[in-house]
Amino acid sequence: MNVLIVGATGGSGRAATAAALAEGHRVTVFARRASALLAEYPSAVAIDGDAMDPGQVAAAVEGQDAVIVSLGISENALRVRLRGSRHTPMDVRSAGTRNVITAMQDHGVRRLVVQTSYGVGETRERLPLVERIVFKLLLRPQIADTEVQEREVRGSELDWVIVQPVNLTDHDVADLPYASVDGDVQGMKVARSSVGRFLAQALSDERLTRRSVALSGTGEGLVPAPGPGARRGSRVRT
């Protein structure tokens, strides 16, 4: 499968790149400094580009079979809250994802996997109190943009999957995370390496189509049981 990873230089994007390559996909990485990844992933194709530029995004999407979006602001959250981002537009998630959706529709690419955040959209009311305070006081602009991003994805006619990890860590975890379509979580931390593996898995798992999946802890690659008769909360192992 030809896979484009938008936002590939972030922690989850790097992990998704490694996982997609390990699964044998032909991976193109897209970011402002995507070529820096070639030393680490020499078999990938790198495109230096800006997700905020519709033309650059469209050129990268052409010829792909699926797209993973892992956009965000990597700068210190407190600095961003007080002064704004110095390097990245505050609406990079929503605007960048909108550009990807438009390009996919124009080029007939169907599969879209988007990493957002636990605590927005369907899981908004399930966020623990401490995280709610952090969202409100520290991350309000980013979370507001992520809410718009999810609406853009849900409003598209693509075969989308929304992936909502809890708080991300940099631990090297070999397992897949615990995954729930009901918003259930096992703790409020999950490793980026584990999230990257799930993003790559979601490319071809049709049971996840047009579902929002919460990721946390480590599990055994638990995903929703297929079929209209499946009970709420039921799982199957992959």
C-alpha atoms as a PDB file:
ATOM      1  CA  MET A   1       0.000   0.000   0.000  1.00  0.00           C
ATOM      2  CA  ASN A   2       1.223   3.518  -0.796  1.00  0.00           C
ATOM      3  CA  VAL A   3       0.934   5.454   2.465  1.00  0.00           C
ATOM      4  CA  LEU A   4       1.409   9.175   3.049  1.00  0.00           C
ATOM      5  CA  ILE A   5       2.184  10.317   6.608  1.00  0.00           C
ATOM      6  CA  VAL A   6       1.456  14.013   7.150  1.00  0.00           C
ATOM      7  CA  GLY A   7       3.234  15.444  10.157  1.00  0.00           C
ATOM      8  CA  ALA A   8       5.817  12.683  10.047  1.00  0.00           C
ATOM      9  CA  THR A   9       8.537  14.440  12.045  1.00  0.00           C
ATOM     10  CA  GLY A  10       6.518  14.508  15.284  1.00  0.00           C
ATOM     11  CA  GLY A  11       6.850  11.727  17.823  1.00  0.00           C
ATOM     12  CA  SER A  12       3.752   9.810  16.767  1.00  0.00           C
ATOM     13  CA  GLY A  13       4.449  10.492  13.099  1.00  0.00           C
ATOM     14  CA  ARG A  14       7.916   8.978  13.416  1.00  0.00           C
ATOM     15  CA  ALA A  15       6.481   5.961  15.205  1.00  0.00           C
ATOM     16  CA  ALA A  16       3.819   5.534  12.513  1.00  0.00           C
ATOM     17  CA  THR A  17       6.519   5.777   9.845  1.00  0.00           C
ATOM     18  CA  ALA A  18       8.560   3.017  11.486  1.00  0.00           C
ATOM     19  CA  ALA A  19       5.504   0.800  11.926  1.00  0.00           C
ATOM     20  CA  ALA A  20       4.191   1.314   8.387  1.00  0.00           C
ATOM     21  CA  LEU A  21       7.593   0.505   6.901  1.00  0.00           C
ATOM     22  CA  ALA A  22       7.853  -2.592   9.092  1.00  0.00           C
ATOM     23  CA  GLU A  23       4.518  -3.772   7.710  1.00  0.00           C
ATOM     24  CA  GLY A  24       5.847  -3.482   4.175  1.00  0.00           C
ATOM     25  CA  HIS A  25       4.037  -0.343   3.056  1.00  0.00           C
ATOM     26  CA  ARG A  26       5.610   2.126   0.621  1.00  0.00           C
ATOM     27  CA  VAL A  27       5.797   5.189   2.831  1.00  0.00           C
ATOM     28  CA  THR A  28       6.020   8.855   1.880  1.00  0.00           C
ATOM     29  CA  VAL A  29       6.726  11.249   4.739  1.00  0.00           C
ATOM     30  CA  PHE A  30       5.475  14.818   4.478  1.00  0.00           C
ATOM     31  CA  ALA A  31       6.564  17.637   6.792  1.00  0.00           C
ATOM     32  CA  ARG A  32       8.416  20.912   6.620  1.00  0.00           C
ATOM     33  CA  ARG A  33      11.675  19.047   7.268  1.00  0.00           C
ATOM     34  CA  ALA A  34      10.698  15.571   6.124  1.00  0.00           C
ATOM     35  CA  SER A  35      14.047  14.970   4.417  1.00  0.00           C
ATOM     36  CA  ALA A  36      15.679  14.870   7.868  1.00  0.00           C
ATOM     37  CA  LEU A  37      13.956  11.518   8.398  1.00  0.00           C
ATOM     38  CA  LEU A  38      15.807   9.812   5.545  1.00  0.00           C
ATOM     39  CA  ALA A  39      18.861   9.125   7.684  1.00  0.00           C
ATOM     40  CA  GLU A  40      16.639   7.114  10.019  1.00  0.00           C
ATOM     41  CA  TYR A  41      14.247   5.702   7.392  1.00  0.00           C
ATOM     42  CA  PRO A  42      16.206   5.490   4.109  1.00  0.00           C
ATOM     43  CA  SER A  43      13.526   3.401   2.383  1.00  0.00           C
ATOM     44  CA  ALA A  44      10.907   6.152   2.785  1.00  0.00           C
ATOM     45  CA  VAL A  45      10.218   8.896   0.252  1.00  0.00           C
ATOM     46  CA  ALA A  46      10.490  12.366   1.776  1.00  0.00           C
ATOM     47  CA  ILE A  47       8.589  15.464   0.679  1.00  0.00           C
ATOM     48  CA  ASP A  48       9.473  18.737   2.356  1.00  0.00           C
ATOM     49  CA  GLY A  49       6.241  20.684   2.411  1.00  0.00           C
ATOM     50  CA  ASP A  50       3.750  22.644   4.472  1.00  0.00           C
ATOM     51  CA  ALA A  51       0.409  21.105   5.440  1.00  0.00           C
ATOM     52  CA  MET A  52      -1.063  24.608   5.298  1.00  0.00           C
ATOM     53  CA  ASP A  53      -0.345  24.790   1.558  1.00  0.00           C
ATOM     54  CA  PRO A  54      -3.179  23.089  -0.373  1.00  0.00           C
ATOM     55  CA  GLY A  55      -1.098  22.705  -3.537  1.00  0.00           C
ATOM     56  CA  GLN A  56       1.791  21.006  -1.773  1.00  0.00           C
ATOM     57  CA  VAL A  57      -0.589  18.689   0.065  1.00  0.00           C
ATOM     58  CA  ALA A  58      -2.420  17.797  -3.155  1.00  0.00           C
ATOM     59  CA  ALA A  59       0.838  16.901  -4.899  1.00  0.00           C
ATOM     60  CA  ALA A  60       1.825  14.637  -2.006  1.00  0.00           C
ATOM     61  CA  VAL A  61      -1.581  12.895  -1.846  1.00  0.00           C
ATOM     62  CA  GLU A  62      -1.669  12.050  -5.560  1.00  0.00           C
ATOM     63  CA  GLY A  63      -0.868   8.380  -6.118  1.00  0.00           C
ATOM     64  CA  GLN A  64      -1.375   7.329  -2.494  1.00  0.00           C
ATOM     65  CA  ASP A  65      -3.691   4.593  -1.246  1.00  0.00           C
ATOM     66  CA  ALA A  66      -4.083   5.921   2.304  1.00  0.00           C
ATOM     67  CA  VAL A  67      -3.085   8.869   4.468  1.00  0.00           C
ATOM     68  CA  ILE A  68      -2.144   9.136   8.145  1.00  0.00           C
ATOM     69  CA  VAL A  69      -2.420  12.617   9.677  1.00  0.00           C
ATOM     70  CA  SER A  70      -0.445  13.349  12.848  1.00  0.00           C
ATOM     71  CA  LEU A  71      -0.333  17.128  13.000  1.00  0.00           C
ATOM     72  CA  GLY A  72       0.294  19.297  16.031  1.00  0.00           C
ATOM     73  CA  ILE A  73       2.402  21.944  17.731  1.00  0.00           C
ATOM     74  CA  SER A  74       5.633  20.642  19.228  1.00  0.00           C
ATOM     75  CA  GLU A  75       6.603  23.812  21.107  1.00  0.00           C
ATOM     76  CA  ASN A  76       6.348  24.215  24.883  1.00  0.00           C
ATOM     77  CA  ALA A  77       2.648  24.301  25.774  1.00  0.00           C
ATOM     78  CA  LEU A  78       2.963  27.091  28.350  1.00  0.00           C
ATOM     79  CA  ARG A  79       4.896  29.301  25.933  1.00  0.00           C
ATOM     80  CA  VAL A  80       2.287  28.678  23.238  1.00  0.00           C
ATOM     81  CA  ARG A  81      -0.545  29.500  25.644  1.00  0.00           C
ATOM     82  CA  LEU A  82       1.070  32.788  26.713  1.00  0.00           C
ATOM     83  CA  ARG A  83       2.624  33.964  23.460  1.00  0.00           C
ATOM     84  CA  GLY A  84       1.284  31.775  20.684  1.00  0.00           C
ATOM     85  CA  SER A  85       3.337  29.481  18.513  1.00  0.00           C
ATOM     86  CA  ARG A  86       6.474  30.890  16.923  1.00  0.00           C
ATOM     87  CA  HIS A  87       6.714  28.304  14.161  1.00  0.00           C
ATOM     88  CA  THR A  88       3.342  26.635  13.620  1.00  0.00           C
ATOM     89  CA  PRO A  89      -0.107  28.142  12.897  1.00  0.00           C
ATOM     90  CA  MET A  90      -2.549  27.569  15.732  1.00  0.00           C
ATOM     91  CA  ASP A  91      -5.048  26.000  13.324  1.00  0.00           C
ATOM     92  CA  VAL A  92      -2.552  23.547  11.824  1.00  0.00           C
ATOM     93  CA  ARG A  93      -4.619  20.523  12.831  1.00  0.00           C
ATOM     94  CA  SER A  94      -7.909  21.639  11.315  1.00  0.00           C
ATOM     95  CA  ALA A  95      -6.575  23.528   8.297  1.00  0.00           C
ATOM     96  CA  GLY A  96      -3.940  20.922   7.477  1.00  0.00           C
ATOM     97  CA  THR A  97      -6.450  18.104   7.775  1.00  0.00           C
ATOM     98  CA  ARG A  98      -8.945  20.032   5.647  1.00  0.00           C
ATOM     99  CA  ASN A  99      -6.310  20.310   2.929  1.00  0.00           C
ATOM    100  CA  VAL A 100      -5.666  16.574   3.138  1.00  0.00           C
ATOM    101  CA  ILE A 101      -9.380  15.761   2.889  1.00  0.00           C
ATOM    102  CA  THR A 102      -9.829  18.000  -0.154  1.00  0.00           C
ATOM    103  CA  ALA A 103      -6.809  16.469  -1.867  1.00  0.00           C
ATOM    104  CA  MET A 104      -7.977  12.934  -1.112  1.00  0.00           C
ATOM    105  CA  GLN A 105     -11.411  13.648  -2.534  1.00  0.00           C
ATOM    106  CA  ASP A 106      -9.875  15.188  -5.669  1.00  0.00           C
ATOM    107  CA  HIS A 107      -7.540  12.218  -6.232  1.00  0.00           C
ATOM    108  CA  GLY A 108      -9.921   9.435  -5.227  1.00  0.00           C
ATOM    109  CA  VAL A 109      -7.996   8.326  -2.126  1.00  0.00           C
ATOM    110  CA  ARG A 110     -10.363   6.812   0.442  1.00  0.00           C
ATOM    111  CA  ARG A 111      -8.544   5.707   3.607  1.00  0.00           C
ATOM    112  CA  LEU A 112      -7.779   8.423   6.173  1.00  0.00           C
ATOM    113  CA  VAL A 113      -6.409   7.793   9.669  1.00  0.00           C
ATOM    114  CA  VAL A 114      -6.255  10.911  11.852  1.00  0.00           C
ATOM    115  CA  GLN A 115      -4.657  11.205  15.274  1.00  0.00           C
ATOM    116  CA  THR A 116      -6.497  13.701  17.498  1.00  0.00           C
ATOM    117  CA  SER A 117      -6.718  13.591  21.303  1.00  0.00           C
ATOM    118  CA  TYR A 118      -8.684  11.845  24.001  1.00  0.00           C
ATOM    119  CA  GLY A 119     -11.063  14.338  25.568  1.00  0.00           C
ATOM    120  CA  VAL A 120     -12.434  15.897  22.388  1.00  0.00           C
ATOM    121  CA  GLY A 121     -15.428  14.870  20.319  1.00  0.00           C
ATOM    122  CA  GLU A 122     -17.072  11.684  21.578  1.00  0.00           C
ATOM    123  CA  THR A 123     -14.816  11.442  24.642  1.00  0.00           C
ATOM    124  CA  ARG A 124     -15.174  15.052  25.756  1.00  0.00           C
ATOM    125  CA  GLU A 125     -17.359  14.198  28.767  1.00  0.00           C
ATOM    126  CA  ARG A 126     -15.153  11.280  29.822  1.00  0.00           C
ATOM    127  CA  LEU A 127     -12.027  13.329  30.465  1.00  0.00           C
ATOM    128  CA  PRO A 128     -10.854  13.193  34.119  1.00  0.00           C
ATOM    129  CA  LEU A 129     -10.979  16.411  36.153  1.00  0.00           C
ATOM    130  CA  VAL A 130      -7.228  17.075  36.158  1.00  0.00           C
ATOM    131  CA  GLU A 131      -7.027  16.774  32.379  1.00  0.00           C
ATOM    132  CA  ARG A 132     -10.091  19.003  32.002  1.00  0.00           C
ATOM    133  CA  ILE A 133      -8.305  21.724  33.954  1.00  0.00           C
ATOM    134  CA  VAL A 134      -5.178  21.330  31.815  1.00  0.00           C
ATOM    135  CA  PHE A 135      -7.255  21.497  28.647  1.00  0.00           C
ATOM    136  CA  LYS A 136      -9.055  24.631  29.818  1.00  0.00           C
ATOM    137  CA  LEU A 137      -6.124  26.568  31.241  1.00  0.00           C
ATOM    138  CA  LEU A 138      -3.127  25.417  29.212  1.00  0.00           C
ATOM    139  CA  LEU A 139      -4.254  23.769  25.989  1.00  0.00           C
ATOM    140  CA  ARG A 140      -7.463  25.614  25.138  1.00  0.00           C
ATOM    141  CA  PRO A 141      -6.412  26.875  21.672  1.00  0.00           C
ATOM    142  CA  GLN A 142      -5.005  23.499  20.602  1.00  0.00           C
ATOM    143  CA  ILE A 143      -8.043  21.609  21.873  1.00  0.00           C
ATOM    144  CA  ALA A 144     -10.442  24.026  20.180  1.00  0.00           C
ATOM    145  CA  ASP A 145      -8.620  23.437  16.904  1.00  0.00           C
ATOM    146  CA  THR A 146      -8.698  19.675  17.443  1.00  0.00           C
ATOM    147  CA  GLU A 147     -12.474  19.847  17.896  1.00  0.00           C
ATOM    148  CA  VAL A 148     -12.710  21.564  14.505  1.00  0.00           C
ATOM    149  CA  GLN A 149     -10.348  18.974  13.037  1.00  0.00           C
ATOM    150  CA  GLU A 150     -12.596  16.110  14.153  1.00  0.00           C
ATOM    151  CA  ARG A 151     -15.658  17.809  12.694  1.00  0.00           C
ATOM    152  CA  GLU A 152     -13.849  18.164   9.366  1.00  0.00           C
ATOM    153  CA  VAL A 153     -13.026  14.455   9.372  1.00  0.00           C
ATOM    154  CA  ARG A 154     -16.512  13.333  10.371  1.00  0.00           C
ATOM    155  CA  GLY A 155     -18.072  15.601   7.770  1.00  0.00           C
ATOM    156  CA  SER A 156     -16.069  14.047   4.965  1.00  0.00           C
ATOM    157  CA  GLU A 157     -17.236  11.120   2.870  1.00  0.00           C
ATOM    158  CA  LEU A 158     -13.927   9.308   3.273  1.00  0.00           C
ATOM    159  CA  ASP A 159     -13.279   5.972   4.980  1.00  0.00           C
ATOM    160  CA  TRP A 160     -11.878   7.675   8.051  1.00  0.00           C
ATOM    161  CA  VAL A 161     -10.633   6.485  11.413  1.00  0.00           C
ATOM    162  CA  ILE A 162     -10.167   8.912  14.318  1.00  0.00           C
ATOM    163  CA  VAL A 163      -7.520   7.818  16.820  1.00  0.00           C
ATOM    164  CA  GLN A 164      -7.664   9.472  20.249  1.00  0.00           C
ATOM    165  CA  PRO A 165      -4.647   8.709  22.462  1.00  0.00           C
ATOM    166  CA  VAL A 166      -4.496   9.816  26.086  1.00  0.00           C
ATOM    167  CA  ASN A 167      -1.363  11.604  27.387  1.00  0.00           C
ATOM    168  CA  LEU A 168       1.634  10.611  25.268  1.00  0.00           C
ATOM    169  CA  THR A 169       4.973   9.374  26.595  1.00  0.00           C
ATOM    170  CA  ASP A 170       8.277   8.637  24.881  1.00  0.00           C
ATOM    171  CA  HIS A 171       8.705   5.115  26.288  1.00  0.00           C
ATOM    172  CA  ASP A 172       9.636   2.383  23.817  1.00  0.00           C
ATOM    173  CA  VAL A 173       6.729  -0.051  24.067  1.00  0.00           C
ATOM    174  CA  ALA A 174       6.546  -3.087  21.804  1.00  0.00           C
ATOM    175  CA  ASP A 175       2.859  -3.829  22.475  1.00  0.00           C
ATOM    176  CA  LEU A 176      -0.138  -2.285  20.819  1.00  0.00           C
ATOM    177  CA  PRO A 177      -2.187  -0.011  23.100  1.00  0.00           C
ATOM    178  CA  TYR A 178      -5.518  -0.798  24.677  1.00  0.00           C
ATOM    179  CA  ALA A 179      -8.076   0.381  22.123  1.00  0.00           C
ATOM    180  CA  SER A 180     -11.738   1.118  22.746  1.00  0.00           C
ATOM    181  CA  VAL A 181     -14.520   2.454  20.529  1.00  0.00           C
ATOM    182  CA  ASP A 182     -16.546   3.195  23.676  1.00  0.00           C
ATOM    183  CA  GLY A 183     -14.053   5.692  25.111  1.00  0.00           C
ATOM    184  CA  ASP A 184     -12.853   3.326  27.838  1.00  0.00           C
ATOM    185  CA  VAL A 185      -9.235   3.762  28.931  1.00  0.00           C
ATOM    186  CA  GLN A 186      -6.672   1.910  31.032  1.00  0.00           C
ATOM    187  CA  GLY A 187      -4.940   4.841  32.698  1.00  0.00           C
ATOM    188  CA  MET A 188      -4.126   8.220  31.193  1.00  0.00           C
ATOM    189  CA  LYS A 189      -0.766   7.462  29.565  1.00  0.00           C
ATOM    190  CA  VAL A 190       0.191   5.723  26.344  1.00  0.00           C
ATOM    191  CA  ALA A 191       3.513   5.467  24.513  1.00  0.00           C
ATOM    192  CA  ARG A 192       3.955   7.182  21.157  1.00  0.00           C
ATOM    193  CA  SER A 193       5.635   4.016  19.865  1.00  0.00           C
ATOM    194  CA  SER A 194       2.495   2.065  20.704  1.00  0.00           C
ATOM    195  CA  VAL A 195       0.241   4.692  19.113  1.00  0.00           C
ATOM    196  CA  GLY A 196       2.336   4.597  15.940  1.00  0.00           C
ATOM    197  CA  ARG A 197       1.824   0.851  15.656  1.00  0.00           C
ATOM    198  CA  PHE A 198      -1.919   1.318  15.981  1.00  0.00           C
ATOM    199  CA  LEU A 199      -1.999   4.078  13.367  1.00  0.00           C
ATOM    200  CA  ALA A 200      -0.294   1.723  10.915  1.00  0.00           C
ATOM    201  CA  GLN A 201      -2.637  -1.120  11.821  1.00  0.00           C
ATOM    202  CA  ALA A 202      -5.684   1.079  11.281  1.00  0.00           C
ATOM    203  CA  LEU A 203      -4.747   1.601   7.630  1.00  0.00           C
ATOM    204  CA  SER A 204      -6.161  -1.774   6.656  1.00  0.00           C
ATOM    205  CA  ASP A 205      -8.569  -2.717   9.465  1.00  0.00           C
ATOM    206  CA  GLU A 206     -11.997  -2.217   7.930  1.00  0.00           C
ATOM    207  CA  ARG A 207     -13.696  -2.794  11.302  1.00  0.00           C
ATOM    208  CA  LEU A 208     -12.465   0.654  12.326  1.00  0.00           C
ATOM    209  CA  THR A 209     -13.967   2.520   9.375  1.00  0.00           C
ATOM    210  CA  ARG A 210     -15.789   5.656  10.532  1.00  0.00           C
ATOM    211  CA  ARG A 211     -15.099   4.856  14.173  1.00  0.00           C
ATOM    212  CA  SER A 212     -13.384   6.870  16.884  1.00  0.00           C
ATOM    213  CA  VAL A 213     -10.924   4.785  18.897  1.00  0.00           C
ATOM    214  CA  ALA A 214      -9.518   5.740  22.313  1.00  0.00           C
ATOM    215  CA  LEU A 215      -5.966   4.524  22.989  1.00  0.00           C
ATOM    216  CA  SER A 216      -4.356   4.051  26.390  1.00  0.00           C
ATOM    217  CA  GLY A 217      -1.935   1.877  28.324  1.00  0.00           C
ATOM    218  CA  THR A 218      -0.921  -1.355  26.677  1.00  0.00           C
ATOM    219  CA  GLY A 219      -3.262  -4.099  25.596  1.00  0.00           C
ATOM    220  CA  GLU A 220      -3.155  -6.763  22.953  1.00  0.00           C
ATOM    221  CA  GLY A 221      -4.321  -4.794  19.966  1.00  0.00           C
ATOM    222  CA  LEU A 222      -7.925  -4.841  21.088  1.00  0.00           C
ATOM    223  CA  VAL A 223     -10.331  -3.514  18.467  1.00  0.00           C
ATOM    224  CA  PRO A 224     -14.128  -3.496  18.044  1.00  0.00           C
ATOM    225  CA  ALA A 225     -15.815  -6.737  17.170  1.00  0.00           C
ATOM    226  CA  PRO A 226     -17.206  -6.652  13.599  1.00  0.00           C
ATOM    227  CA  GLY A 227     -20.799  -6.966  12.540  1.00  0.00           C
ATOM    228  CA  PRO A 228     -24.028  -5.119  13.389  1.00  0.00           C
ATOM    229  CA  GLY A 229     -24.879  -7.613  16.124  1.00  0.00           C
ATOM    230  CA  ALA A 230     -21.744  -7.012  18.171  1.00  0.00           C
ATOM    231  CA  ARG A 231     -22.376  -5.982  21.743  1.00  0.00           C
ATOM    232  CA  ARG A 232     -21.296  -2.536  22.887  1.00  0.00           C
ATOM    233  CA  GLY A 233     -17.859  -2.858  24.413  1.00  0.00           C
ATOM    234  CA  SER A 234     -17.084  -6.211  22.802  1.00  0.00           C
ATOM    235  CA  ARG A 235     -13.578  -6.764  21.406  1.00  0.00           C
ATOM    236  CA  VAL A 236     -11.605  -9.160  19.297  1.00  0.00           C
ATOM    237  CA  ARG A 237      -7.860  -9.666  19.298  1.00  0.00           C
ATOM    238  CA  THR A 238      -5.816  -8.919  16.228  1.00  0.00           C
END
